[in-house]
Each structure stands twice: as C-alpha cells, then as structure tokens.
N, C-alpha and C. Protein backbone atom coordinates (compact mmCIF):
# COMPACT_ATOMS: atom_id res chain seq x y z
N MET A 1 78.73 92.27 90.44
CA MET A 1 80.14 92.22 90.77
C MET A 1 80.46 93.32 91.77
N GLN A 2 81.28 92.99 92.75
CA GLN A 2 81.63 93.97 93.76
C GLN A 2 82.47 95.09 93.18
N ASP A 3 82.45 96.20 93.84
CA ASP A 3 83.29 97.33 93.48
C ASP A 3 84.76 96.90 93.52
N LEU A 4 85.56 97.38 92.58
CA LEU A 4 86.96 96.96 92.51
C LEU A 4 87.75 97.31 93.76
N SER A 5 87.47 98.48 94.34
CA SER A 5 88.19 98.85 95.56
C SER A 5 87.86 97.87 96.68
N GLU A 6 86.62 97.40 96.72
CA GLU A 6 86.24 96.41 97.73
C GLU A 6 86.99 95.11 97.50
N GLY A 7 87.25 94.77 96.25
CA GLY A 7 88.01 93.56 95.94
C GLY A 7 89.42 93.63 96.48
N PHE A 8 90.07 94.77 96.30
CA PHE A 8 91.44 94.92 96.80
C PHE A 8 91.47 94.99 98.33
N GLN A 9 90.46 95.61 98.93
CA GLN A 9 90.36 95.62 100.38
C GLN A 9 90.17 94.20 100.91
N ALA A 10 89.35 93.42 100.22
CA ALA A 10 89.10 92.03 100.63
C ALA A 10 90.37 91.20 100.55
N VAL A 11 91.17 91.42 99.52
CA VAL A 11 92.44 90.70 99.40
C VAL A 11 93.34 91.02 100.59
N ARG A 12 93.48 92.30 100.88
CA ARG A 12 94.34 92.71 101.99
C ARG A 12 93.85 92.12 103.31
N ARG A 13 92.56 92.19 103.53
CA ARG A 13 91.99 91.66 104.78
C ARG A 13 92.14 90.14 104.87
N ALA A 14 91.91 89.47 103.75
CA ALA A 14 92.05 88.00 103.73
C ALA A 14 93.48 87.58 104.04
N ALA A 15 94.43 88.42 103.66
CA ALA A 15 95.84 88.14 103.93
C ALA A 15 96.22 88.52 105.35
N GLY A 16 95.31 89.18 106.06
CA GLY A 16 95.59 89.58 107.43
C GLY A 16 96.52 90.78 107.52
N LEU A 17 96.52 91.60 106.48
CA LEU A 17 97.42 92.76 106.44
C LEU A 17 96.70 94.04 106.81
N SER A 18 97.38 94.88 107.56
CA SER A 18 96.90 96.23 107.81
C SER A 18 97.28 97.09 106.60
N LEU A 19 96.73 98.29 106.55
CA LEU A 19 97.13 99.22 105.49
C LEU A 19 98.62 99.50 105.55
N ASP A 20 99.15 99.67 106.75
CA ASP A 20 100.58 99.93 106.92
C ASP A 20 101.42 98.77 106.40
N GLU A 21 101.01 97.54 106.71
CA GLU A 21 101.76 96.36 106.26
C GLU A 21 101.72 96.23 104.75
N ALA A 22 100.55 96.43 104.16
CA ALA A 22 100.44 96.33 102.71
C ALA A 22 101.28 97.41 102.03
N ALA A 23 101.24 98.61 102.57
CA ALA A 23 102.05 99.70 102.02
C ALA A 23 103.53 99.37 102.11
N SER A 24 103.94 98.81 103.24
CA SER A 24 105.34 98.45 103.43
C SER A 24 105.79 97.39 102.43
N ILE A 25 104.94 96.41 102.18
CA ILE A 25 105.25 95.37 101.19
C ILE A 25 105.49 96.00 99.82
N CYS A 26 104.66 96.98 99.48
CA CYS A 26 104.77 97.63 98.18
C CYS A 26 105.87 98.69 98.13
N GLY A 27 106.42 99.01 99.29
CA GLY A 27 107.47 100.02 99.32
C GLY A 27 106.97 101.44 99.11
N ILE A 28 105.71 101.68 99.54
CA ILE A 28 105.10 103.00 99.37
C ILE A 28 104.52 103.44 100.71
N SER A 29 104.15 104.69 100.80
CA SER A 29 103.56 105.21 102.04
C SER A 29 102.12 104.70 102.20
N ARG A 30 101.66 104.74 103.45
CA ARG A 30 100.27 104.34 103.70
C ARG A 30 99.28 105.21 102.91
N PRO A 31 99.45 106.55 102.90
CA PRO A 31 98.50 107.36 102.12
C PRO A 31 98.49 106.98 100.63
N THR A 32 99.65 106.69 100.07
CA THR A 32 99.72 106.30 98.66
C THR A 32 99.03 104.96 98.46
N TYR A 33 99.27 104.01 99.36
CA TYR A 33 98.61 102.70 99.24
C TYR A 33 97.10 102.86 99.33
N THR A 34 96.65 103.70 100.26
CA THR A 34 95.21 103.91 100.45
C THR A 34 94.58 104.48 99.17
N VAL A 35 95.26 105.43 98.55
CA VAL A 35 94.75 105.99 97.28
C VAL A 35 94.63 104.88 96.24
N ARG A 36 95.65 104.04 96.15
CA ARG A 36 95.64 102.96 95.15
C ARG A 36 94.57 101.92 95.46
N GLU A 37 94.39 101.60 96.74
CA GLU A 37 93.37 100.61 97.09
C GLU A 37 91.97 101.15 96.78
N ASN A 38 91.78 102.43 97.00
CA ASN A 38 90.47 103.05 96.72
C ASN A 38 90.26 103.34 95.24
N ASN A 39 91.34 103.37 94.47
CA ASN A 39 91.30 103.60 93.03
C ASN A 39 92.23 102.58 92.38
N PRO A 40 91.79 101.33 92.25
CA PRO A 40 92.68 100.25 91.81
C PRO A 40 93.41 100.49 90.50
N GLY A 41 92.91 101.34 89.65
CA GLY A 41 93.61 101.66 88.42
C GLY A 41 94.94 102.35 88.66
N GLU A 42 95.14 102.84 89.88
CA GLU A 42 96.38 103.52 90.25
C GLU A 42 97.49 102.55 90.66
N PHE A 43 97.13 101.27 90.93
CA PHE A 43 98.16 100.30 91.30
C PHE A 43 99.14 100.13 90.15
N LYS A 44 100.39 99.98 90.49
CA LYS A 44 101.43 99.67 89.51
C LYS A 44 101.58 98.15 89.47
N LEU A 45 101.99 97.63 88.34
CA LEU A 45 102.18 96.18 88.22
C LEU A 45 103.12 95.67 89.31
N GLY A 46 104.16 96.42 89.60
CA GLY A 46 105.10 96.03 90.64
C GLY A 46 104.44 95.89 92.00
N ASP A 47 103.47 96.78 92.31
CA ASP A 47 102.74 96.68 93.58
C ASP A 47 102.00 95.36 93.65
N ILE A 48 101.34 95.01 92.57
CA ILE A 48 100.53 93.80 92.55
C ILE A 48 101.41 92.56 92.67
N VAL A 49 102.54 92.57 91.99
CA VAL A 49 103.48 91.43 92.08
C VAL A 49 104.00 91.29 93.50
N LEU A 50 104.38 92.40 94.12
CA LEU A 50 104.88 92.35 95.49
C LEU A 50 103.81 91.83 96.45
N LEU A 51 102.59 92.32 96.30
CA LEU A 51 101.51 91.83 97.15
C LEU A 51 101.31 90.33 96.96
N TYR A 52 101.21 89.92 95.71
CA TYR A 52 100.97 88.51 95.39
C TYR A 52 102.04 87.63 96.03
N ASN A 53 103.28 88.04 95.95
CA ASN A 53 104.39 87.24 96.47
C ASN A 53 104.47 87.23 97.99
N ASN A 54 103.68 88.08 98.65
CA ASN A 54 103.76 88.18 100.11
C ASN A 54 102.45 87.87 100.83
N ILE A 55 101.53 87.23 100.14
CA ILE A 55 100.26 86.84 100.78
C ILE A 55 100.06 85.34 100.64
N ASN A 56 99.14 84.81 101.46
CA ASN A 56 98.89 83.38 101.44
C ASN A 56 98.11 82.96 100.19
N GLU A 57 98.06 81.65 99.96
CA GLU A 57 97.45 81.13 98.74
C GLU A 57 95.98 81.52 98.56
N PRO A 58 95.15 81.42 99.61
CA PRO A 58 93.75 81.85 99.39
C PRO A 58 93.66 83.33 99.00
N SER A 59 94.52 84.15 99.58
CA SER A 59 94.52 85.57 99.23
C SER A 59 95.04 85.78 97.81
N GLN A 60 96.00 84.97 97.40
CA GLN A 60 96.50 85.04 96.02
C GLN A 60 95.38 84.72 95.04
N GLN A 61 94.58 83.71 95.37
CA GLN A 61 93.47 83.34 94.48
C GLN A 61 92.44 84.46 94.41
N LEU A 62 92.18 85.10 95.54
CA LEU A 62 91.24 86.22 95.56
C LEU A 62 91.79 87.39 94.75
N LEU A 63 93.10 87.63 94.84
CA LEU A 63 93.71 88.70 94.05
C LEU A 63 93.58 88.39 92.56
N CYS A 64 93.82 87.15 92.18
CA CYS A 64 93.68 86.76 90.76
C CYS A 64 92.25 86.96 90.29
N SER A 65 91.30 86.60 91.12
CA SER A 65 89.89 86.78 90.76
C SER A 65 89.56 88.27 90.59
N THR A 66 90.08 89.09 91.48
CA THR A 66 89.86 90.53 91.39
C THR A 66 90.48 91.09 90.11
N LEU A 67 91.69 90.65 89.81
CA LEU A 67 92.34 91.12 88.58
C LEU A 67 91.60 90.64 87.34
N ASN A 68 91.11 89.42 87.37
CA ASN A 68 90.32 88.91 86.24
C ASN A 68 89.09 89.75 86.00
N SER A 69 88.48 90.23 87.08
CA SER A 69 87.28 91.06 86.92
C SER A 69 87.61 92.38 86.24
N ILE A 70 88.86 92.82 86.35
CA ILE A 70 89.28 94.06 85.69
C ILE A 70 89.56 93.80 84.21
N PHE A 71 90.35 92.78 83.95
CA PHE A 71 90.85 92.57 82.60
C PHE A 71 89.99 91.65 81.73
N LEU A 72 89.18 90.84 82.36
CA LEU A 72 88.37 89.89 81.60
C LEU A 72 86.89 90.13 81.75
N SER A 73 86.50 91.33 82.21
CA SER A 73 85.09 91.62 82.37
C SER A 73 84.42 91.75 81.01
N LYS A 74 83.14 91.45 81.01
CA LYS A 74 82.38 91.49 79.75
C LYS A 74 81.79 92.84 79.51
C-alpha cells in the first residue's frame, strides 16, 4: 500500500489542483495544507469534506480509496 501522504498528493494531482488551490478550497494557508498533506492524520474532517465537494468524480473515488486505507486497513 502506498504511503498515505502519497495518496493525498495523488488525489490533489488527479483533481488538477495546485497546493495553493487545495489550500484555498479548505480555507487554510498553503503551509498548513502542506503539513496536512504530508501528515494526513492532521487533516480535519471539514477539510476532507470541502476537498471532496470540489473535485471531479475520479478524484472523489481516489479520495474514498485513500480514506478507506486509513480506516479499513487490516
């Protein structure tokens, strides 16, 4: 399984978002977003909901898969 931070980076890239754009969607600064992307446990539920609601369907599916790997891992 890929590293979790790589999963969140892949979601952002698949959505065609820059770090600045993703941070803006979440209503946080770029440095704060970068910390959260590199340490996914730092994401707030609200960040994830905002991202999900502002990305395309394939990226939404990738985000769900990444989240499943966190919460449903064996």
